[in-house]
C-alpha atoms as a PDB file:
ATOM      1  CA  UNK A   1      92.580 108.390 107.419  1.00  0.00           C
ATOM      2  CA  UNK A   2      90.608 108.312 110.648  1.00  0.00           C
ATOM      3  CA  UNK A   3      92.208 110.090 113.594  1.00  0.00           C
ATOM      4  CA  UNK A   4      90.943 109.486 117.112  1.00  0.00           C
ATOM      5  CA  UNK A   5      91.387 110.449 120.750  1.00  0.00           C
ATOM      6  CA  UNK A   6      91.482 106.986 122.293  1.00  0.00           C
ATOM      7  CA  UNK A   7      90.411 103.370 122.164  1.00  0.00           C
ATOM      8  CA  UNK A   8      86.646 104.051 122.362  1.00  0.00           C
ATOM      9  CA  UNK A   9      86.849 106.519 119.489  1.00  0.00           C
ATOM     10  CA  UNK A  10      88.969 104.095 117.463  1.00  0.00           C
ATOM     11  CA  UNK A  11      86.350 101.370 117.941  1.00  0.00           C
ATOM     12  CA  UNK A  12      83.626 103.852 116.914  1.00  0.00           C
ATOM     13  CA  UNK A  13      85.540 104.587 113.686  1.00  0.00           C
ATOM     14  CA  UNK A  14      85.857 100.940 112.617  1.00  0.00           C
ATOM     15  CA  UNK A  15      82.324 100.585 111.133  1.00  0.00           C
ATOM     16  CA  UNK A  16      82.865 103.864 109.263  1.00  0.00           C
ATOM     17  CA  UNK A  17      86.169 102.549 107.957  1.00  0.00           C
ATOM     18  CA  UNK A  18      84.565  99.273 106.874  1.00  0.00           C
ATOM     19  CA  UNK A  19      81.688 101.114 105.175  1.00  0.00           C
ATOM     20  CA  UNK A  20      84.137 103.153 103.104  1.00  0.00           C
ATOM     21  CA  UNK A  21      86.124 100.068 102.157  1.00  0.00           C
ATOM     22  CA  UNK A  22      82.943  98.240 101.107  1.00  0.00           C
ATOM     23  CA  UNK A  23      82.289 101.146  98.747  1.00  0.00           C
ATOM     24  CA  UNK A  24      85.731 100.639  97.221  1.00  0.00           C
ATOM     25  CA  UNK A  25      87.218 103.652  98.959  1.00  0.00           C
ATOM     26  CA  UNK A  26      90.715 103.175 100.350  1.00  0.00           C
ATOM     27  CA  UNK A  27      90.792 104.214 103.991  1.00  0.00           C
ATOM     28  CA  UNK A  28      92.749 103.544 107.136  1.00  0.00           C
ATOM     29  CA  UNK A  29      92.691 104.326 110.816  1.00  0.00           C
ATOM     30  CA  UNK A  30      95.619 105.578 112.852  1.00  0.00           C
ATOM     31  CA  UNK A  31      96.706 102.412 114.657  1.00  0.00           C
ATOM     32  CA  UNK A  32      97.924 103.774 117.986  1.00  0.00           C
ATOM     33  CA  UNK A  33      96.411 105.846 120.755  1.00  0.00           C
ATOM     34  CA  UNK A  34      98.942 108.607 120.135  1.00  0.00           C
ATOM     35  CA  UNK A  35      98.549 112.293 120.867  1.00  0.00           C
ATOM     36  CA  UNK A  36      96.324 114.036 118.345  1.00  0.00           C
ATOM     37  CA  UNK A  37      99.152 116.328 117.206  1.00  0.00           C
ATOM     38  CA  UNK A  38     101.249 113.276 116.308  1.00  0.00           C
ATOM     39  CA  UNK A  39      98.335 111.785 114.337  1.00  0.00           C
ATOM     40  CA  UNK A  40      97.846 115.040 112.416  1.00  0.00           C
ATOM     41  CA  UNK A  41     101.575 115.157 111.658  1.00  0.00           C
ATOM     42  CA  UNK A  42     101.404 111.548 110.395  1.00  0.00           C
ATOM     43  CA  UNK A  43      98.503 112.443 108.069  1.00  0.00           C
ATOM     44  CA  UNK A  44     100.301 115.564 106.889  1.00  0.00           C
ATOM     45  CA  UNK A  45     103.620 113.776 106.290  1.00  0.00           C
ATOM     46  CA  UNK A  46     101.912 111.117 104.176  1.00  0.00           C
ATOM     47  CA  UNK A  47      99.982 113.626 102.115  1.00  0.00           C
ATOM     48  CA  UNK A  48      96.436 112.645 103.066  1.00  0.00           C
ATOM     49  CA  UNK A  49      94.037 115.075 101.429  1.00  0.00           C
ATOM     50  CA  UNK A  50      91.369 114.541 104.090  1.00  0.00           C
ATOM     51  CA  UNK A  51      91.221 113.294 107.641  1.00  0.00           C
ATOM     52  CA  UNK A  52      88.169 112.025 109.484  1.00  0.00           C
ATOM     53  CA  UNK A  53      88.318 112.973 113.146  1.00  0.00           C
ATOM     54  CA  UNK A  54      86.512 111.074 115.868  1.00  0.00           C
ATOM     55  CA  UNK A  55      86.134 112.414 119.385  1.00  0.00           C
ATOM     56  CA  UNK A  56      83.681 112.012 122.234  1.00  0.00           C
ATOM     57  CA  UNK A  57      81.255 114.619 120.906  1.00  0.00           C
ATOM     58  CA  UNK A  58      81.256 113.007 117.441  1.00  0.00           C
ATOM     59  CA  UNK A  59      80.406 109.664 119.029  1.00  0.00           C
ATOM     60  CA  UNK A  60      77.514 111.234 120.952  1.00  0.00           C
ATOM     61  CA  UNK A  61      76.162 112.882 117.785  1.00  0.00           C
ATOM     62  CA  UNK A  62      76.857 109.810 115.583  1.00  0.00           C
ATOM     63  CA  UNK A  63      78.977 111.816 113.147  1.00  0.00           C
ATOM     64  CA  UNK A  64      82.620 112.305 112.172  1.00  0.00           C
ATOM     65  CA  UNK A  65      84.437 115.522 111.440  1.00  0.00           C
ATOM     66  CA  UNK A  66      86.023 115.799 108.012  1.00  0.00           C
ATOM     67  CA  UNK A  67      88.967 118.134 107.467  1.00  0.00           C
ATOM     68  CA  UNK A  68      90.485 119.090 104.136  1.00  0.00           C
ATOM     69  CA  UNK A  69      94.230 118.962 104.781  1.00  0.00           C
ATOM     70  CA  UNK A  70      95.065 120.898 101.607  1.00  0.00           C
ATOM     71  CA  UNK A  71      93.298 124.022 102.867  1.00  0.00           C
ATOM     72  CA  UNK A  72      95.276 125.996 105.410  1.00  0.00           C
ATOM     73  CA  UNK A  73      92.261 126.851 107.556  1.00  0.00           C
ATOM     74  CA  UNK A  74      90.756 125.088 110.522  1.00  0.00           C
ATOM     75  CA  UNK A  75      87.381 124.375 108.930  1.00  0.00           C
ATOM     76  CA  UNK A  76      85.817 121.072 109.860  1.00  0.00           C
ATOM     77  CA  UNK A  77      82.594 119.619 108.500  1.00  0.00           C
ATOM     78  CA  UNK A  78      80.427 117.213 110.432  1.00  0.00           C
ATOM     79  CA  UNK A  79      78.875 114.281 108.556  1.00  0.00           C
ATOM     80  CA  UNK A  80      76.670 111.316 109.332  1.00  0.00           C
ATOM     81  CA  UNK A  81      77.701 107.996 107.792  1.00  0.00           C
ATOM     82  CA  UNK A  82      75.628 108.125 104.586  1.00  0.00           C
ATOM     83  CA  UNK A  83      76.530 111.717 103.807  1.00  0.00           C
ATOM     84  CA  UNK A  84      80.159 110.972 104.699  1.00  0.00           C
ATOM     85  CA  UNK A  85      80.341 108.123 102.162  1.00  0.00           C
ATOM     86  CA  UNK A  86      78.734 110.301  99.488  1.00  0.00           C
ATOM     87  CA  UNK A  87      81.177 113.117 100.224  1.00  0.00           C
ATOM     88  CA  UNK A  88      84.092 110.716  99.675  1.00  0.00           C
ATOM     89  CA  UNK A  89      82.518 109.378  96.474  1.00  0.00           C
ATOM     90  CA  UNK A  90      82.073 112.902  95.119  1.00  0.00           C
ATOM     91  CA  UNK A  91      85.723 113.666  95.866  1.00  0.00           C
ATOM     92  CA  UNK A  92      86.849 110.455  94.152  1.00  0.00           C
ATOM     93  CA  UNK A  93      84.697 111.163  91.097  1.00  0.00           C
ATOM     94  CA  UNK A  94      86.159 114.669  90.819  1.00  0.00           C
ATOM     95  CA  UNK A  95      89.698 113.284  91.026  1.00  0.00           C
ATOM     96  CA  UNK A  96      88.894 110.580  88.440  1.00  0.00           C
ATOM     97  CA  UNK A  97      87.395 113.071  86.009  1.00  0.00           C
ATOM     98  CA  UNK A  98      90.389 115.373  86.375  1.00  0.00           C
ATOM     99  CA  UNK A  99      92.787 112.462  85.810  1.00  0.00           C
ATOM    100  CA  UNK A 100      90.846 111.323  82.725  1.00  0.00           C
ATOM    101  CA  UNK A 101      90.877 114.813  81.234  1.00  0.00           C
ATOM    102  CA  UNK A 102      94.601 115.210  81.841  1.00  0.00           C
ATOM    103  CA  UNK A 103      95.265 111.759  80.412  1.00  0.00           C
ATOM    104  CA  UNK A 104      93.278 112.645  77.298  1.00  0.00           C
ATOM    105  CA  UNK A 105      95.065 115.951  76.888  1.00  0.00           C
ATOM    106  CA  UNK A 106      98.501 114.360  77.091  1.00  0.00           C
ATOM    107  CA  UNK A 107      97.698 111.232  75.082  1.00  0.00           C
ATOM    108  CA  UNK A 108      96.939 112.838  71.738  1.00  0.00           C
ATOM    109  CA  UNK A 109     100.257 112.256  69.945  1.00  0.00           C
ATOM    110  CA  UNK A 110     102.047 113.484  73.017  1.00  0.00           C
ATOM    111  CA  UNK A 111     101.021 117.023  72.144  1.00  0.00           C
ATOM    112  CA  UNK A 112      99.527 119.354  74.671  1.00  0.00           C
ATOM    113  CA  UNK A 113      96.191 120.697  73.530  1.00  0.00           C
ATOM    114  CA  UNK A 114      94.932 123.821  75.199  1.00  0.00           C
END
């Protein structure tokens, strides 16, 4: 999900959102110009693993900030569009591989193989 600080930042995020969707990556943008804390709570409540944050400085540098919501630190990584898409693809591949392995493990006669 893309979080933003206002209308200009939301408009900046739209091409990024569309680029992800064209790559087959499900993504959304927070629809309202709500306080950032409320947007973070929304992302947290819905279990988003990552949030893309867009502020004035990101717009000036033509990047977005990516935060891993599962880690309890305040680390943010800055990415340009191409690297951002590849980062998402790598994450999706890792999740797919993990799911395939788990599916294989549990599909062999219903027995768990370790």
